[in-house]
mmCIF file of all heavy atoms, coordinates in Angstrom:
data_MODEL
# 
_entry.id   MODEL 
# 
loop_
_atom_site.group_PDB 
_atom_site.id 
_atom_site.type_symbol 
_atom_site.label_atom_id 
_atom_site.label_alt_id 
_atom_site.label_comp_id 
_atom_site.label_asym_id 
_atom_site.label_entity_id 
_atom_site.label_seq_id 
_atom_site.pdbx_PDB_ins_code 
_atom_site.Cartn_x 
_atom_site.Cartn_y 
_atom_site.Cartn_z 
_atom_site.occupancy 
_atom_site.B_iso_or_equiv 
_atom_site.pdbx_formal_charge 
_atom_site.auth_seq_id 
_atom_site.auth_comp_id 
_atom_site.auth_asym_id 
_atom_site.auth_atom_id 
_atom_site.pdbx_PDB_model_num 
ATOM 1   N N   . LEU A 1 1  ? 11.285 -56.804 51.184 1.00 0.00 ? 1  LEU A N   1 
ATOM 2   C CA  . LEU A 1 1  ? 12.668 -56.648 51.200 1.00 0.00 ? 1  LEU A CA  1 
ATOM 3   C C   . LEU A 1 1  ? 13.337 -56.817 52.502 1.00 0.00 ? 1  LEU A C   1 
ATOM 4   O O   . LEU A 1 1  ? 13.196 -55.917 53.366 1.00 0.00 ? 1  LEU A O   1 
ATOM 5   C CB  . LEU A 1 1  ? 13.010 -55.233 50.598 1.00 0.00 ? 1  LEU A CB  1 
ATOM 6   C CG  . LEU A 1 1  ? 14.466 -55.031 50.207 1.00 0.00 ? 1  LEU A CG  1 
ATOM 7   C CD1 . LEU A 1 1  ? 14.918 -55.948 49.030 1.00 0.00 ? 1  LEU A CD1 1 
ATOM 8   C CD2 . LEU A 1 1  ? 14.725 -53.577 49.908 1.00 0.00 ? 1  LEU A CD2 1 
ATOM 9   N N   . GLN A 1 2  ? 14.042 -57.906 52.698 1.00 0.00 ? 2  GLN A N   1 
ATOM 10  C CA  . GLN A 1 2  ? 14.702 -58.118 53.779 1.00 0.00 ? 2  GLN A CA  1 
ATOM 11  C C   . GLN A 1 2  ? 16.130 -57.529 53.637 1.00 0.00 ? 2  GLN A C   1 
ATOM 12  O O   . GLN A 1 2  ? 16.842 -57.863 52.755 1.00 0.00 ? 2  GLN A O   1 
ATOM 13  C CB  . GLN A 1 2  ? 14.782 -59.674 54.064 1.00 0.00 ? 2  GLN A CB  1 
ATOM 14  C CG  . GLN A 1 2  ? 15.627 -60.045 55.342 1.00 0.00 ? 2  GLN A CG  1 
ATOM 15  C CD  . GLN A 1 2  ? 15.039 -59.512 56.628 1.00 0.00 ? 2  GLN A CD  1 
ATOM 16  O OE1 . GLN A 1 2  ? 13.852 -59.733 56.875 1.00 0.00 ? 2  GLN A OE1 1 
ATOM 17  N NE2 . GLN A 1 2  ? 15.782 -58.891 57.519 1.00 0.00 ? 2  GLN A NE2 1 
ATOM 18  N N   . MET A 1 3  ? 16.472 -56.687 54.562 1.00 0.00 ? 3  MET A N   1 
ATOM 19  C CA  . MET A 1 3  ? 17.789 -55.972 54.478 1.00 0.00 ? 3  MET A CA  1 
ATOM 20  C C   . MET A 1 3  ? 18.534 -56.260 55.753 1.00 0.00 ? 3  MET A C   1 
ATOM 21  O O   . MET A 1 3  ? 18.186 -55.993 56.814 1.00 0.00 ? 3  MET A O   1 
ATOM 22  C CB  . MET A 1 3  ? 17.566 -54.501 54.284 1.00 0.00 ? 3  MET A CB  1 
ATOM 23  C CG  . MET A 1 3  ? 16.585 -54.004 53.185 1.00 0.00 ? 3  MET A CG  1 
ATOM 24  S SD  . MET A 1 3  ? 16.384 -52.224 53.021 1.00 0.00 ? 3  MET A SD  1 
ATOM 25  C CE  . MET A 1 3  ? 15.704 -51.800 54.568 1.00 0.00 ? 3  MET A CE  1 
ATOM 26  N N   . ASN A 1 4  ? 19.744 -56.894 55.521 1.00 0.00 ? 4  ASN A N   1 
ATOM 27  C CA  . ASN A 1 4  ? 20.629 -57.268 56.481 1.00 0.00 ? 4  ASN A CA  1 
ATOM 28  C C   . ASN A 1 4  ? 21.913 -56.563 56.349 1.00 0.00 ? 4  ASN A C   1 
ATOM 29  O O   . ASN A 1 4  ? 22.243 -55.972 55.294 1.00 0.00 ? 4  ASN A O   1 
ATOM 30  C CB  . ASN A 1 4  ? 20.935 -58.805 56.519 1.00 0.00 ? 4  ASN A CB  1 
ATOM 31  C CG  . ASN A 1 4  ? 19.624 -59.611 56.812 1.00 0.00 ? 4  ASN A CG  1 
ATOM 32  O OD1 . ASN A 1 4  ? 18.771 -59.224 57.551 1.00 0.00 ? 4  ASN A OD1 1 
ATOM 33  N ND2 . ASN A 1 4  ? 19.515 -60.750 56.140 1.00 0.00 ? 4  ASN A ND2 1 
ATOM 34  N N   . SER A 1 5  ? 22.703 -56.595 57.470 1.00 0.00 ? 5  SER A N   1 
ATOM 35  C CA  . SER A 1 5  ? 24.022 -55.851 57.406 1.00 0.00 ? 5  SER A CA  1 
ATOM 36  C C   . SER A 1 5  ? 23.893 -54.481 56.729 1.00 0.00 ? 5  SER A C   1 
ATOM 37  O O   . SER A 1 5  ? 24.778 -54.183 55.923 1.00 0.00 ? 5  SER A O   1 
ATOM 38  C CB  . SER A 1 5  ? 25.036 -56.771 56.584 1.00 0.00 ? 5  SER A CB  1 
ATOM 39  O OG  . SER A 1 5  ? 25.205 -58.084 57.257 1.00 0.00 ? 5  SER A OG  1 
ATOM 40  N N   . LEU A 1 6  ? 23.017 -53.662 57.209 1.00 0.00 ? 6  LEU A N   1 
ATOM 41  C CA  . LEU A 1 6  ? 22.837 -52.375 56.659 1.00 0.00 ? 6  LEU A CA  1 
ATOM 42  C C   . LEU A 1 6  ? 24.006 -51.467 56.873 1.00 0.00 ? 6  LEU A C   1 
ATOM 43  O O   . LEU A 1 6  ? 24.680 -51.527 57.882 1.00 0.00 ? 6  LEU A O   1 
ATOM 44  C CB  . LEU A 1 6  ? 21.582 -51.738 57.258 1.00 0.00 ? 6  LEU A CB  1 
ATOM 45  C CG  . LEU A 1 6  ? 20.272 -52.316 56.727 1.00 0.00 ? 6  LEU A CG  1 
ATOM 46  C CD1 . LEU A 1 6  ? 19.138 -52.018 57.687 1.00 0.00 ? 6  LEU A CD1 1 
ATOM 47  C CD2 . LEU A 1 6  ? 19.965 -51.720 55.298 1.00 0.00 ? 6  LEU A CD2 1 
ATOM 48  N N   . LYS A 1 7  ? 24.221 -50.704 55.885 1.00 0.00 ? 7  LYS A N   1 
ATOM 49  C CA  . LYS A 1 7  ? 25.298 -49.668 55.818 1.00 0.00 ? 7  LYS A CA  1 
ATOM 50  C C   . LYS A 1 7  ? 24.669 -48.265 55.791 1.00 0.00 ? 7  LYS A C   1 
ATOM 51  O O   . LYS A 1 7  ? 23.625 -48.075 55.254 1.00 0.00 ? 7  LYS A O   1 
ATOM 52  C CB  . LYS A 1 7  ? 26.257 -49.921 54.655 1.00 0.00 ? 7  LYS A CB  1 
ATOM 53  C CG  . LYS A 1 7  ? 26.765 -51.389 54.577 1.00 0.00 ? 7  LYS A CG  1 
ATOM 54  C CD  . LYS A 1 7  ? 27.501 -51.550 53.243 1.00 0.00 ? 7  LYS A CD  1 
ATOM 55  C CE  . LYS A 1 7  ? 28.114 -53.028 53.207 1.00 0.00 ? 7  LYS A CE  1 
ATOM 56  N NZ  . LYS A 1 7  ? 28.946 -53.205 51.977 1.00 0.00 ? 7  LYS A NZ  1 
ATOM 57  N N   . PRO A 1 8  ? 25.491 -47.311 56.184 1.00 0.00 ? 8  PRO A N   1 
ATOM 58  C CA  . PRO A 1 8  ? 24.975 -45.921 56.029 1.00 0.00 ? 8  PRO A CA  1 
ATOM 59  C C   . PRO A 1 8  ? 24.593 -45.545 54.579 1.00 0.00 ? 8  PRO A C   1 
ATOM 60  O O   . PRO A 1 8  ? 23.730 -44.773 54.405 1.00 0.00 ? 8  PRO A O   1 
ATOM 61  C CB  . PRO A 1 8  ? 26.193 -45.046 56.544 1.00 0.00 ? 8  PRO A CB  1 
ATOM 62  C CG  . PRO A 1 8  ? 26.773 -45.958 57.506 1.00 0.00 ? 8  PRO A CG  1 
ATOM 63  C CD  . PRO A 1 8  ? 26.688 -47.395 56.999 1.00 0.00 ? 8  PRO A CD  1 
ATOM 64  N N   . GLU A 1 9  ? 25.329 -46.026 53.630 1.00 0.00 ? 9  GLU A N   1 
ATOM 65  C CA  . GLU A 1 9  ? 25.047 -45.780 52.228 1.00 0.00 ? 9  GLU A CA  1 
ATOM 66  C C   . GLU A 1 9  ? 23.713 -46.394 51.764 1.00 0.00 ? 9  GLU A C   1 
ATOM 67  O O   . GLU A 1 9  ? 23.296 -46.013 50.658 1.00 0.00 ? 9  GLU A O   1 
ATOM 68  C CB  . GLU A 1 9  ? 26.128 -46.202 51.292 1.00 0.00 ? 9  GLU A CB  1 
ATOM 69  C CG  . GLU A 1 9  ? 26.667 -47.584 51.465 1.00 0.00 ? 9  GLU A CG  1 
ATOM 70  C CD  . GLU A 1 9  ? 27.802 -47.756 52.421 1.00 0.00 ? 9  GLU A CD  1 
ATOM 71  O OE1 . GLU A 1 9  ? 27.855 -47.045 53.444 1.00 0.00 ? 9  GLU A OE1 1 
ATOM 72  O OE2 . GLU A 1 9  ? 28.757 -48.503 52.023 1.00 0.00 ? 9  GLU A OE2 1 
ATOM 73  N N   . ASP A 1 10 ? 23.135 -47.202 52.582 1.00 0.00 ? 10 ASP A N   1 
ATOM 74  C CA  . ASP A 1 10 ? 21.740 -47.770 52.276 1.00 0.00 ? 10 ASP A CA  1 
ATOM 75  C C   . ASP A 1 10 ? 20.693 -46.687 52.600 1.00 0.00 ? 10 ASP A C   1 
ATOM 76  O O   . ASP A 1 10 ? 19.476 -46.896 52.310 1.00 0.00 ? 10 ASP A O   1 
ATOM 77  C CB  . ASP A 1 10 ? 21.484 -49.046 53.008 1.00 0.00 ? 10 ASP A CB  1 
ATOM 78  C CG  . ASP A 1 10 ? 22.356 -50.108 52.595 1.00 0.00 ? 10 ASP A CG  1 
ATOM 79  O OD1 . ASP A 1 10 ? 22.720 -50.294 51.420 1.00 0.00 ? 10 ASP A OD1 1 
ATOM 80  O OD2 . ASP A 1 10 ? 22.883 -50.877 53.447 1.00 0.00 ? 10 ASP A OD2 1 
ATOM 81  N N   . THR A 1 11 ? 21.065 -45.596 53.308 1.00 0.00 ? 11 THR A N   1 
ATOM 82  C CA  . THR A 1 11 ? 20.032 -44.641 53.661 1.00 0.00 ? 11 THR A CA  1 
ATOM 83  C C   . THR A 1 11 ? 19.395 -43.999 52.355 1.00 0.00 ? 11 THR A C   1 
ATOM 84  O O   . THR A 1 11 ? 20.097 -43.544 51.521 1.00 0.00 ? 11 THR A O   1 
ATOM 85  C CB  . THR A 1 11 ? 20.817 -43.467 54.374 1.00 0.00 ? 11 THR A CB  1 
ATOM 86  O OG1 . THR A 1 11 ? 21.281 -43.985 55.720 1.00 0.00 ? 11 THR A OG1 1 
ATOM 87  C CG2 . THR A 1 11 ? 19.765 -42.382 54.836 1.00 0.00 ? 11 THR A CG2 1 
ATOM 88  N N   . ALA A 1 12 ? 18.068 -44.127 52.372 1.00 0.00 ? 12 ALA A N   1 
ATOM 89  C CA  . ALA A 1 12 ? 17.319 -43.600 51.188 1.00 0.00 ? 12 ALA A CA  1 
ATOM 90  C C   . ALA A 1 12 ? 15.903 -43.857 51.504 1.00 0.00 ? 12 ALA A C   1 
ATOM 91  O O   . ALA A 1 12 ? 15.515 -44.433 52.500 1.00 0.00 ? 12 ALA A O   1 
ATOM 92  C CB  . ALA A 1 12 ? 17.733 -44.428 49.876 1.00 0.00 ? 12 ALA A CB  1 
ATOM 93  N N   . VAL A 1 13 ? 15.039 -43.235 50.652 1.00 0.00 ? 13 VAL A N   1 
ATOM 94  C CA  . VAL A 1 13 ? 13.609 -43.558 50.554 1.00 0.00 ? 13 VAL A CA  1 
ATOM 95  C C   . VAL A 1 13 ? 13.423 -44.805 49.723 1.00 0.00 ? 13 VAL A C   1 
ATOM 96  O O   . VAL A 1 13 ? 13.917 -44.740 48.534 1.00 0.00 ? 13 VAL A O   1 
ATOM 97  C CB  . VAL A 1 13 ? 12.771 -42.408 50.131 1.00 0.00 ? 13 VAL A CB  1 
ATOM 98  C CG1 . VAL A 1 13 ? 11.312 -42.844 50.019 1.00 0.00 ? 13 VAL A CG1 1 
ATOM 99  C CG2 . VAL A 1 13 ? 13.012 -41.163 50.957 1.00 0.00 ? 13 VAL A CG2 1 
ATOM 100 N N   . TYR A 1 14 ? 12.808 -45.796 50.203 1.00 0.00 ? 14 TYR A N   1 
ATOM 101 C CA  . TYR A 1 14 ? 12.678 -47.009 49.454 1.00 0.00 ? 14 TYR A CA  1 
ATOM 102 C C   . TYR A 1 14 ? 11.210 -47.025 48.943 1.00 0.00 ? 14 TYR A C   1 
ATOM 103 O O   . TYR A 1 14 ? 10.336 -46.831 49.648 1.00 0.00 ? 14 TYR A O   1 
ATOM 104 C CB  . TYR A 1 14 ? 12.910 -48.245 50.406 1.00 0.00 ? 14 TYR A CB  1 
ATOM 105 C CG  . TYR A 1 14 ? 14.436 -48.477 50.469 1.00 0.00 ? 14 TYR A CG  1 
ATOM 106 C CD1 . TYR A 1 14 ? 15.124 -47.586 51.347 1.00 0.00 ? 14 TYR A CD1 1 
ATOM 107 C CD2 . TYR A 1 14 ? 15.095 -49.556 49.926 1.00 0.00 ? 14 TYR A CD2 1 
ATOM 108 C CE1 . TYR A 1 14 ? 16.420 -47.786 51.513 1.00 0.00 ? 14 TYR A CE1 1 
ATOM 109 C CE2 . TYR A 1 14 ? 16.434 -49.634 50.112 1.00 0.00 ? 14 TYR A CE2 1 
ATOM 110 C CZ  . TYR A 1 14 ? 17.116 -48.822 50.938 1.00 0.00 ? 14 TYR A CZ  1 
ATOM 111 O OH  . TYR A 1 14 ? 18.482 -49.067 51.052 1.00 0.00 ? 14 TYR A OH  1 
ATOM 112 N N   . TYR A 1 15 ? 11.076 -47.447 47.650 1.00 0.00 ? 15 TYR A N   1 
ATOM 113 C CA  . TYR A 1 15 ? 9.825  -47.451 46.997 1.00 0.00 ? 15 TYR A CA  1 
ATOM 114 C C   . TYR A 1 15 ? 9.503  -48.830 46.396 1.00 0.00 ? 15 TYR A C   1 
ATOM 115 O O   . TYR A 1 15 ? 10.427 -49.538 45.907 1.00 0.00 ? 15 TYR A O   1 
ATOM 116 C CB  . TYR A 1 15 ? 9.906  -46.505 45.735 1.00 0.00 ? 15 TYR A CB  1 
ATOM 117 C CG  . TYR A 1 15 ? 9.979  -45.104 46.189 1.00 0.00 ? 15 TYR A CG  1 
ATOM 118 C CD1 . TYR A 1 15 ? 11.308 -44.490 46.259 1.00 0.00 ? 15 TYR A CD1 1 
ATOM 119 C CD2 . TYR A 1 15 ? 8.921  -44.242 46.419 1.00 0.00 ? 15 TYR A CD2 1 
ATOM 120 C CE1 . TYR A 1 15 ? 11.458 -43.152 46.607 1.00 0.00 ? 15 TYR A CE1 1 
ATOM 121 C CE2 . TYR A 1 15 ? 9.026  -42.902 46.765 1.00 0.00 ? 15 TYR A CE2 1 
ATOM 122 C CZ  . TYR A 1 15 ? 10.363 -42.271 46.812 1.00 0.00 ? 15 TYR A CZ  1 
ATOM 123 O OH  . TYR A 1 15 ? 10.473 -41.096 47.083 1.00 0.00 ? 15 TYR A OH  1 
ATOM 124 N N   . CYS A 1 16 ? 8.360  -49.259 46.548 1.00 0.00 ? 16 CYS A N   1 
ATOM 125 C CA  . CYS A 1 16 ? 7.842  -50.517 45.953 1.00 0.00 ? 16 CYS A CA  1 
ATOM 126 C C   . CYS A 1 16 ? 7.419  -50.187 44.515 1.00 0.00 ? 16 CYS A C   1 
ATOM 127 O O   . CYS A 1 16 ? 6.798  -49.151 44.297 1.00 0.00 ? 16 CYS A O   1 
ATOM 128 C CB  . CYS A 1 16 ? 6.774  -51.143 46.856 1.00 0.00 ? 16 CYS A CB  1 
ATOM 129 S SG  . CYS A 1 16 ? 6.192  -52.733 46.304 1.00 0.00 ? 16 CYS A SG  1 
ATOM 130 N N   . ASN A 1 17 ? 7.624  -51.095 43.665 1.00 0.00 ? 17 ASN A N   1 
ATOM 131 C CA  . ASN A 1 17 ? 7.190  -50.858 42.271 1.00 0.00 ? 17 ASN A CA  1 
ATOM 132 C C   . ASN A 1 17 ? 6.650  -52.170 41.785 1.00 0.00 ? 17 ASN A C   1 
ATOM 133 O O   . ASN A 1 17 ? 7.175  -53.332 41.957 1.00 0.00 ? 17 ASN A O   1 
ATOM 134 C CB  . ASN A 1 17 ? 8.412  -50.440 41.360 1.00 0.00 ? 17 ASN A CB  1 
ATOM 135 C CG  . ASN A 1 17 ? 8.044  -50.412 39.924 1.00 0.00 ? 17 ASN A CG  1 
ATOM 136 O OD1 . ASN A 1 17 ? 8.372  -51.381 39.125 1.00 0.00 ? 17 ASN A OD1 1 
ATOM 137 N ND2 . ASN A 1 17 ? 7.314  -49.297 39.542 1.00 0.00 ? 17 ASN A ND2 1 
ATOM 138 N N   . VAL A 1 18 ? 5.444  -52.045 41.136 1.00 0.00 ? 18 VAL A N   1 
ATOM 139 C CA  . VAL A 1 18 ? 4.837  -53.235 40.525 1.00 0.00 ? 18 VAL A CA  1 
ATOM 140 C C   . VAL A 1 18 ? 4.527  -52.929 38.999 1.00 0.00 ? 18 VAL A C   1 
ATOM 141 O O   . VAL A 1 18 ? 4.044  -51.921 38.710 1.00 0.00 ? 18 VAL A O   1 
ATOM 142 C CB  . VAL A 1 18 ? 3.469  -53.664 41.173 1.00 0.00 ? 18 VAL A CB  1 
ATOM 143 C CG1 . VAL A 1 18 ? 2.808  -54.799 40.448 1.00 0.00 ? 18 VAL A CG1 1 
ATOM 144 C CG2 . VAL A 1 18 ? 3.769  -53.981 42.624 1.00 0.00 ? 18 VAL A CG2 1 
ATOM 145 N N   . VAL A 1 19 ? 4.907  -53.831 38.141 1.00 0.00 ? 19 VAL A N   1 
ATOM 146 C CA  . VAL A 1 19 ? 4.593  -53.726 36.795 1.00 0.00 ? 19 VAL A CA  1 
ATOM 147 C C   . VAL A 1 19 ? 3.566  -54.611 36.374 1.00 0.00 ? 19 VAL A C   1 
ATOM 148 O O   . VAL A 1 19 ? 3.721  -55.867 36.542 1.00 0.00 ? 19 VAL A O   1 
ATOM 149 C CB  . VAL A 1 19 ? 5.848  -53.916 35.875 1.00 0.00 ? 19 VAL A CB  1 
ATOM 150 C CG1 . VAL A 1 19 ? 5.620  -53.816 34.444 1.00 0.00 ? 19 VAL A CG1 1 
ATOM 151 C CG2 . VAL A 1 19 ? 6.941  -52.929 36.222 1.00 0.00 ? 19 VAL A CG2 1 
ATOM 152 N N   . ILE A 1 20 ? 2.444  -54.168 35.830 1.00 0.00 ? 20 ILE A N   1 
ATOM 153 C CA  . ILE A 1 20 ? 1.425  -54.901 35.332 1.00 0.00 ? 20 ILE A CA  1 
ATOM 154 C C   . ILE A 1 20 ? 1.313  -54.641 33.881 1.00 0.00 ? 20 ILE A C   1 
ATOM 155 O O   . ILE A 1 20 ? 0.903  -53.457 33.482 1.00 0.00 ? 20 ILE A O   1 
ATOM 156 C CB  . ILE A 1 20 ? 0.072  -54.659 36.030 1.00 0.00 ? 20 ILE A CB  1 
ATOM 157 C CG1 . ILE A 1 20 ? 0.301  -55.006 37.565 1.00 0.00 ? 20 ILE A CG1 1 
ATOM 158 C CG2 . ILE A 1 20 ? -1.025 -55.483 35.477 1.00 0.00 ? 20 ILE A CG2 1 
ATOM 159 C CD1 . ILE A 1 20 ? -0.878 -54.546 38.406 1.00 0.00 ? 20 ILE A CD1 1 
ATOM 160 N N   . HIS A 1 21 ? 1.476  -55.620 33.018 1.00 0.00 ? 21 HIS A N   1 
ATOM 161 C CA  . HIS A 1 21 ? 1.576  -55.417 31.493 1.00 0.00 ? 21 HIS A CA  1 
ATOM 162 C C   . HIS A 1 21 ? 2.723  -54.409 31.287 1.00 0.00 ? 21 HIS A C   1 
ATOM 163 O O   . HIS A 1 21 ? 3.868  -54.690 31.581 1.00 0.00 ? 21 HIS A O   1 
ATOM 164 C CB  . HIS A 1 21 ? 0.215  -55.010 31.011 1.00 0.00 ? 21 HIS A CB  1 
ATOM 165 C CG  . HIS A 1 21 ? -0.790 -56.057 31.255 1.00 0.00 ? 21 HIS A CG  1 
ATOM 166 N ND1 . HIS A 1 21 ? -2.065 -55.737 31.594 1.00 0.00 ? 21 HIS A ND1 1 
ATOM 167 C CD2 . HIS A 1 21 ? -0.771 -57.367 31.072 1.00 0.00 ? 21 HIS A CD2 1 
ATOM 168 C CE1 . HIS A 1 21 ? -2.819 -56.909 31.760 1.00 0.00 ? 21 HIS A CE1 1 
ATOM 169 N NE2 . HIS A 1 21 ? -1.970 -57.859 31.422 1.00 0.00 ? 21 HIS A NE2 1 
ATOM 170 N N   . THR A 1 22 ? 2.341  -53.282 30.883 1.00 0.00 ? 22 THR A N   1 
ATOM 171 C CA  . THR A 1 22 ? 3.360  -52.169 30.580 1.00 0.00 ? 22 THR A CA  1 
ATOM 172 C C   . THR A 1 22 ? 3.190  -51.012 31.473 1.00 0.00 ? 22 THR A C   1 
ATOM 173 O O   . THR A 1 22 ? 3.992  -49.986 31.358 1.00 0.00 ? 22 THR A O   1 
ATOM 174 C CB  . THR A 1 22 ? 3.296  -51.651 29.114 1.00 0.00 ? 22 THR A CB  1 
ATOM 175 O OG1 . THR A 1 22 ? 2.019  -51.190 28.870 1.00 0.00 ? 22 THR A OG1 1 
ATOM 176 C CG2 . THR A 1 22 ? 3.535  -52.824 28.099 1.00 0.00 ? 22 THR A CG2 1 
ATOM 177 N N   . SER A 1 23 ? 2.358  -51.162 32.610 1.00 0.00 ? 23 SER A N   1 
ATOM 178 C CA  . SER A 1 23 ? 2.212  -49.990 33.444 1.00 0.00 ? 23 SER A CA  1 
ATOM 179 C C   . SER A 1 23 ? 2.868  -50.257 34.694 1.00 0.00 ? 23 SER A C   1 
ATOM 180 O O   . SER A 1 23 ? 2.831  -51.337 35.302 1.00 0.00 ? 23 SER A O   1 
ATOM 181 C CB  . SER A 1 23 ? 0.720  -49.806 33.718 1.00 0.00 ? 23 SER A CB  1 
ATOM 182 O OG  . SER A 1 23 ? 0.007  -49.534 32.442 1.00 0.00 ? 23 SER A OG  1 
ATOM 183 N N   . GLY A 1 24 ? 3.507  -49.255 35.232 1.00 0.00 ? 24 GLY A N   1 
ATOM 184 C CA  . GLY A 1 24 ? 4.284  -49.377 36.444 1.00 0.00 ? 24 GLY A CA  1 
ATOM 185 C C   . GLY A 1 24 ? 3.574  -48.491 37.582 1.00 0.00 ? 24 GLY A C   1 
ATOM 186 O O   . GLY A 1 24 ? 3.016  -47.373 37.294 1.00 0.00 ? 24 GLY A O   1 
ATOM 187 N N   . TYR A 1 25 ? 3.522  -49.062 38.790 1.00 0.00 ? 25 TYR A N   1 
ATOM 188 C CA  . TYR A 1 25 ? 2.845  -48.476 39.884 1.00 0.00 ? 25 TYR A CA  1 
ATOM 189 C C   . TYR A 1 25 ? 3.772  -48.262 41.049 1.00 0.00 ? 25 TYR A C   1 
ATOM 190 O O   . TYR A 1 25 ? 4.673  -49.208 41.259 1.00 0.00 ? 25 TYR A O   1 
ATOM 191 C CB  . TYR A 1 25 ? 1.602  -49.173 40.264 1.00 0.00 ? 25 TYR A CB  1 
ATOM 192 C CG  . TYR A 1 25 ? 0.620  -49.355 39.157 1.00 0.00 ? 25 TYR A CG  1 
ATOM 193 C CD1 . TYR A 1 25 ? 0.711  -50.463 38.331 1.00 0.00 ? 25 TYR A CD1 1 
ATOM 194 C CD2 . TYR A 1 25 ? -0.451 -48.425 38.977 1.00 0.00 ? 25 TYR A CD2 1 
ATOM 195 C CE1 . TYR A 1 25 ? -0.218 -50.657 37.245 1.00 0.00 ? 25 TYR A CE1 1 
ATOM 196 C CE2 . TYR A 1 25 ? -1.339 -48.636 37.919 1.00 0.00 ? 25 TYR A CE2 1 
ATOM 197 C CZ  . TYR A 1 25 ? -1.282 -49.681 37.074 1.00 0.00 ? 25 TYR A CZ  1 
ATOM 198 O OH  . TYR A 1 25 ? -2.047 -49.828 36.128 1.00 0.00 ? 25 TYR A OH  1 
ATOM 199 N N   . TRP A 1 26 ? 3.755  -47.211 41.777 1.00 0.00 ? 26 TRP A N   1 
ATOM 200 C CA  . TRP A 1 26 ? 4.612  -46.837 42.775 1.00 0.00 ? 26 TRP A CA  1 
ATOM 201 C C   . TRP A 1 26 ? 3.941  -46.610 44.115 1.00 0.00 ? 26 TRP A C   1 
ATOM 202 O O   . TRP A 1 26 ? 2.863  -46.072 44.112 1.00 0.00 ? 26 TRP A O   1 
ATOM 203 C CB  . TRP A 1 26 ? 5.492  -45.646 42.459 1.00 0.00 ? 26 TRP A CB  1 
ATOM 204 C CG  . TRP A 1 26 ? 6.391  -45.812 41.296 1.00 0.00 ? 26 TRP A CG  1 
ATOM 205 C CD1 . TRP A 1 26 ? 6.045  -45.508 39.940 1.00 0.00 ? 26 TRP A CD1 1 
ATOM 206 C CD2 . TRP A 1 26 ? 7.680  -46.121 41.213 1.00 0.00 ? 26 TRP A CD2 1 
ATOM 207 N NE1 . TRP A 1 26 ? 7.061  -45.694 39.108 1.00 0.00 ? 26 TRP A NE1 1 
ATOM 208 C CE2 . TRP A 1 26 ? 8.080  -46.105 39.872 1.00 0.00 ? 26 TRP A CE2 1 
ATOM 209 C CE3 . TRP A 1 26 ? 8.602  -46.612 42.178 1.00 0.00 ? 26 TRP A CE3 1 
ATOM 210 C CZ2 . TRP A 1 26 ? 9.480  -46.581 39.524 1.00 0.00 ? 26 TRP A CZ2 1 
ATOM 211 C CZ3 . TRP A 1 26 ? 9.836  -47.000 41.834 1.00 0.00 ? 26 TRP A CZ3 1 
ATOM 212 C CH2 . TRP A 1 26 ? 10.272 -46.882 40.582 1.00 0.00 ? 26 TRP A CH2 1 
# 
């Protein structure tokens, strides 16, 4: 995830998610 022009409201914990078939992984 390339993040440019960051703003204070972008502050957060960022999580990667992958969906394989119907299962999600974090």
